[in-house]
Amino acid sequence: MARPPKKPAARPKAERYHHGDLPRAMLSEALRTIQRRGIDSLTLRSVGEKLGVSRTALYRHFANKEALLGAVAAEGFRRLRQELFEAWDQGGRGRAGFEAMGAAYIHFAVRHPSHYRVMFGGALAKGDATLPPQDKSADAFGVLVDALVELQGAGLAVSQDAHLLALFVWSVVHGVAMLALDGVLHRPEDTETLSRFAIERLWSGIGVGMPAEAVK
């Protein structure tokens, strides 16, 4: 008697969650969804379906979509702060460190577009990011302010309000980053060229004239 054909084994879902750190898995899935379909398409239900976990399990960690987006933003700000500080410090501080920070900011946005759009795209209401109010580990803007204060103390930057100077610097590098993310700058080399030009012009606006090779 012929044996009945074996039923093919069910193929597991590649992105199905089985064990481990559920909040981390939820953040990763949220980032993938934002990258593929945008912030508006993200829901806790869609994240749960992709990971294969119940809504009850999801809600233990994030009460709603806004809380999940807040966690994405918090992670982004921590990464950005670390990369800016490392660029400043490892770049030798001074003018070279300042220019390295500008490049690092734009590179961060290009490498982490989902984080960046949540951080600065207006999707979060004020206070949604899951951060303690004085969490220095996520104060990316503060790193820039501190660098400018140090430049002023060394006589390398103009003696104007450091916070206002930082807003000026941020507005320029943020503009370049958004042009890159929105596809206005079509090629990576276009982004690099504009980045270098913008950062040089920034220094000409805030720096006290010394050649780059003399400032270490």
Protein backbone atom coordinates (compact mmCIF):
# COMPACT_ATOMS: atom_id res chain seq x y z
CA MET A 1 0.00 0.00 0.00
CA ALA A 2 1.48 3.32 -1.06
CA ARG A 3 2.28 5.75 1.67
CA PRO A 4 0.44 9.06 1.53
CA PRO A 5 2.70 11.89 0.46
CA LYS A 6 4.23 13.80 3.32
CA LYS A 7 2.90 17.25 3.89
CA PRO A 8 5.62 19.87 3.40
CA ALA A 9 6.86 21.26 6.67
CA ALA A 10 5.52 24.69 7.48
CA ARG A 11 8.07 27.34 6.76
CA PRO A 12 8.76 29.52 9.78
CA LYS A 13 8.33 33.23 9.35
CA ALA A 14 11.78 34.77 9.02
CA GLU A 15 10.94 37.66 11.29
CA ARG A 16 8.96 35.72 13.87
CA TYR A 17 9.96 36.44 17.46
CA HIS A 18 10.69 33.42 19.66
CA HIS A 19 12.65 34.47 22.71
CA GLY A 20 15.02 37.04 24.10
CA ASP A 21 14.65 40.80 24.35
CA LEU A 22 11.15 41.69 23.13
CA PRO A 23 11.55 45.49 23.47
CA ARG A 24 14.72 45.33 21.35
CA ALA A 25 12.93 43.20 18.75
CA MET A 26 10.03 45.67 18.69
CA LEU A 27 12.39 48.59 18.13
CA SER A 28 14.12 46.76 15.29
CA GLU A 29 10.82 45.88 13.63
CA ALA A 30 9.57 49.46 14.04
CA LEU A 31 12.70 50.74 12.30
CA ARG A 32 12.25 48.29 9.43
CA THR A 33 8.62 49.30 9.01
CA ILE A 34 9.45 53.01 9.01
CA GLN A 35 12.22 52.46 6.46
CA ARG A 36 9.94 50.48 4.13
CA ARG A 37 6.60 52.25 4.49
CA GLY A 38 7.00 55.38 6.60
CA ILE A 39 6.05 56.41 10.12
CA ASP A 40 2.30 56.63 9.44
CA SER A 41 2.14 52.93 8.58
CA LEU A 42 3.57 51.83 11.93
CA THR A 43 1.16 50.28 14.44
CA LEU A 44 1.68 48.04 17.45
CA ARG A 45 -0.57 45.47 15.80
CA SER A 46 1.64 45.30 12.69
CA VAL A 47 4.74 44.95 14.85
CA GLY A 48 3.11 42.14 16.82
CA GLU A 49 2.06 40.32 13.66
CA LYS A 50 5.57 40.48 12.26
CA LEU A 51 7.10 39.20 15.50
CA GLY A 52 4.37 36.66 16.18
CA VAL A 53 3.55 37.86 19.68
CA SER A 54 0.28 38.81 21.31
CA ARG A 55 -0.93 42.36 21.79
CA THR A 56 -0.87 41.73 25.53
CA ALA A 57 2.86 41.01 25.37
CA LEU A 58 3.43 44.17 23.33
CA TYR A 59 1.51 46.38 25.74
CA ARG A 60 3.64 45.19 28.65
CA HIS A 61 6.48 47.19 27.13
CA PHE A 62 4.87 50.00 25.13
CA ALA A 63 1.44 51.42 25.90
CA ASN A 64 0.88 52.73 22.37
CA LYS A 65 2.54 53.68 19.10
CA GLU A 66 3.75 56.99 20.53
CA ALA A 67 5.63 55.19 23.31
CA LEU A 68 7.34 52.94 20.76
CA LEU A 69 8.28 55.94 18.63
CA GLY A 70 9.58 57.65 21.75
CA ALA A 71 11.88 54.73 22.40
CA VAL A 72 13.12 54.86 18.80
CA ALA A 73 13.88 58.56 19.20
CA ALA A 74 15.61 58.04 22.56
CA GLU A 75 17.88 55.40 21.07
CA GLY A 76 18.62 57.70 18.14
CA PHE A 77 19.57 60.64 20.34
CA ARG A 78 21.89 58.46 22.42
CA ARG A 79 23.64 57.18 19.31
CA LEU A 80 23.88 60.65 17.82
CA ARG A 81 25.35 62.09 21.01
CA GLN A 82 27.98 59.36 21.15
CA GLU A 83 28.96 59.79 17.50
CA LEU A 84 29.18 63.57 17.79
CA PHE A 85 31.34 63.41 20.91
CA GLU A 86 33.64 60.81 19.36
CA ALA A 87 34.01 62.90 16.20
CA TRP A 88 34.84 65.99 18.27
CA ASP A 89 37.26 64.24 20.60
CA GLN A 90 38.97 61.93 18.11
CA GLY A 91 39.09 64.71 15.53
CA GLY A 92 41.43 66.63 17.80
CA ARG A 93 38.87 69.21 18.95
CA GLY A 94 39.58 72.72 17.63
CA ARG A 95 38.53 73.45 14.07
CA ALA A 96 39.27 69.90 12.92
CA GLY A 97 37.04 68.46 15.64
CA PHE A 98 34.26 70.91 14.82
CA GLU A 99 34.32 69.95 11.15
CA ALA A 100 34.41 66.26 12.07
CA MET A 101 31.27 66.78 14.19
CA GLY A 102 29.44 68.37 11.27
CA ALA A 103 30.32 65.48 8.98
CA ALA A 104 29.37 62.94 11.68
CA TYR A 105 25.94 64.52 12.08
CA ILE A 106 25.12 64.23 8.38
CA HIS A 107 26.55 60.72 8.18
CA PHE A 108 24.38 59.67 11.12
CA ALA A 109 21.23 60.88 9.36
CA VAL A 110 22.14 59.07 6.14
CA ARG A 111 23.03 55.82 7.93
CA HIS A 112 20.04 55.86 10.29
CA PRO A 113 17.20 57.45 8.31
CA SER A 114 14.40 55.80 10.30
CA HIS A 115 15.81 57.00 13.61
CA TYR A 116 16.39 60.45 12.17
CA ARG A 117 12.90 60.90 10.77
CA VAL A 118 11.36 59.95 14.11
CA MET A 119 13.76 62.21 16.02
CA PHE A 120 13.12 65.30 13.90
CA GLY A 121 10.11 64.60 11.69
CA GLY A 122 7.42 65.93 14.03
CA ALA A 123 5.88 62.50 14.71
CA LEU A 124 6.36 62.86 18.46
CA ALA A 125 4.51 65.19 20.76
CA LYS A 126 6.73 67.01 23.24
CA GLY A 127 7.72 64.68 26.05
CA ASP A 128 7.01 61.42 24.20
CA ALA A 129 10.63 60.26 24.12
CA THR A 130 11.19 57.79 26.95
CA LEU A 131 14.06 59.69 28.58
CA PRO A 132 14.58 61.08 32.06
CA PRO A 133 14.48 64.90 31.86
CA GLN A 134 18.20 65.27 32.66
CA ASP A 135 19.49 62.27 30.68
CA LYS A 136 22.88 63.52 29.49
CA SER A 137 23.45 60.32 27.50
CA ALA A 138 20.96 61.57 24.91
CA ASP A 139 21.80 65.29 24.92
CA ALA A 140 23.26 65.48 21.42
CA PHE A 141 22.63 69.22 21.18
CA GLY A 142 24.51 69.75 24.45
CA VAL A 143 27.62 68.17 22.93
CA LEU A 144 27.59 70.84 20.22
CA VAL A 145 27.05 73.64 22.73
CA ASP A 146 29.92 72.36 24.90
CA ALA A 147 32.21 72.17 21.88
CA LEU A 148 31.41 75.74 20.93
CA VAL A 149 32.04 76.95 24.47
CA GLU A 150 35.42 75.21 24.40
CA LEU A 151 36.25 76.81 21.05
CA GLN A 152 35.31 80.20 22.45
CA GLY A 153 37.45 79.62 25.53
CA ALA A 154 40.42 78.83 23.28
CA GLY A 155 39.84 81.98 21.25
CA LEU A 156 38.90 79.99 18.14
CA ALA A 157 35.20 80.92 17.86
CA VAL A 158 33.37 84.21 17.98
CA SER A 159 32.20 85.42 21.40
CA GLN A 160 28.46 85.21 20.88
CA ASP A 161 25.74 83.26 22.64
CA ALA A 162 26.83 79.61 22.37
CA HIS A 163 23.27 78.31 22.34
CA LEU A 164 22.35 80.57 19.43
CA LEU A 165 25.51 79.57 17.58
CA ALA A 166 24.64 75.91 18.12
CA LEU A 167 21.16 76.47 16.66
CA PHE A 168 22.77 78.13 13.64
CA VAL A 169 25.16 75.20 13.12
CA TRP A 170 22.39 72.65 13.62
CA SER A 171 20.08 74.37 11.13
CA VAL A 172 22.71 74.09 8.41
CA VAL A 173 23.74 70.46 8.93
CA HIS A 174 20.11 69.43 9.45
CA GLY A 175 19.23 71.05 6.15
CA VAL A 176 21.92 69.09 4.32
CA ALA A 177 20.81 65.88 6.06
CA MET A 178 17.18 66.35 4.99
CA LEU A 179 18.16 67.10 1.39
CA ALA A 180 20.03 63.80 1.37
CA LEU A 181 17.20 61.81 3.00
CA ASP A 182 14.54 63.29 0.72
CA GLY A 183 16.47 62.39 -2.41
CA VAL A 184 17.22 65.94 -3.50
CA LEU A 185 20.90 65.04 -3.41
CA HIS A 186 20.78 62.08 -5.75
CA ARG A 187 24.27 60.64 -5.28
CA PRO A 188 26.38 60.00 -2.17
CA GLU A 189 29.13 62.17 -3.65
CA ASP A 190 26.66 65.06 -3.93
CA THR A 191 25.98 64.78 -0.20
CA GLU A 192 29.69 64.67 0.59
CA THR A 193 30.42 67.70 -1.59
CA LEU A 194 27.64 69.80 -0.09
CA SER A 195 28.56 68.65 3.43
CA ARG A 196 32.14 69.80 3.05
CA PHE A 197 31.08 73.10 1.53
CA ALA A 198 28.45 73.79 4.22
CA ILE A 199 30.80 72.95 7.10
CA GLU A 200 33.56 75.14 5.69
CA ARG A 201 31.10 78.02 5.35
CA LEU A 202 29.92 77.42 8.91
CA TRP A 203 33.45 77.78 10.19
CA SER A 204 33.93 80.96 8.19
CA GLY A 205 30.89 82.32 10.04
CA ILE A 206 31.80 81.32 13.58
CA GLY A 207 35.55 80.76 13.58
CA VAL A 208 38.27 83.22 14.43
CA GLY A 209 40.55 82.98 11.41
CA MET A 210 43.20 80.33 11.72
CA PRO A 211 44.10 77.77 9.04
CA ALA A 212 42.77 74.28 9.69
CA GLU A 213 46.26 72.73 9.86
CA ALA A 214 47.21 75.16 12.65
CA VAL A 215 44.27 74.22 14.88
CA LYS A 216 44.76 70.85 16.55
